[in-house]
Amino acid sequence: MWPLRRETEYGVPSCDLQLRSYSIPNLEFFCDFALRAAYYLNLPAFGPVPLPKITERWTVPKSHFIFKKSQENFERITRRRLIQIRDGHPETVQVWLAFLQKHAYYGIGMKANMWEYSSLDTGKQMDSELPSMQKSIDEKMELLGQSKVLGTVEKVKELLESERFKHTA
């Protein structure tokens, strides 16, 4: 039975989850689990879309270098599936990804790309917050030491003229 699905209102993508595995049954099982979890979090999920498989091949000698003619071939095929979340609130998508990561199935790799949309006034908001952050930025910039005048020569002269140094020499 296929998992239930939610309908989208605008169709704006908010997350792409790519699942990878060497085993098809594990991958299909976890895709089904992810779609059901998205349904119960009221996230419109689309997929799983099969992506092109990645095939890696190696040829190695079976024995020592003298027996180069007897070689062995190895092949590893990585299967991939894509699940896309559309019109999802960023916090809900993060909860969904955290849930999937917590209950991850063995042999499954996950990679997520998230998009978060904000208002067009982001630049104005950042400009208004700048004076409050300027003080903390200045404190951290003082610690960098690029603009400091190094008093190395004066320090050496002080050490040479100090009483403590004269008594040790």
Foldseek 3Di string as FASTA:
>chain_A
DAADFADDDPFAWFKKKKKKFQDDVLVVVLVRVLRNLCVVLVWGKDDFDWDDKDKDKDKAAPDDPVPRVHIDMDMTIMTMTMMITGPDDPVSVVVSVVVCVVVPDPRMDMDMDGDDDDDPCPVVVVVVCCVVCVVVVVVVVVVVPPPDDDPVVVVVVCCCPDPVNVVVD
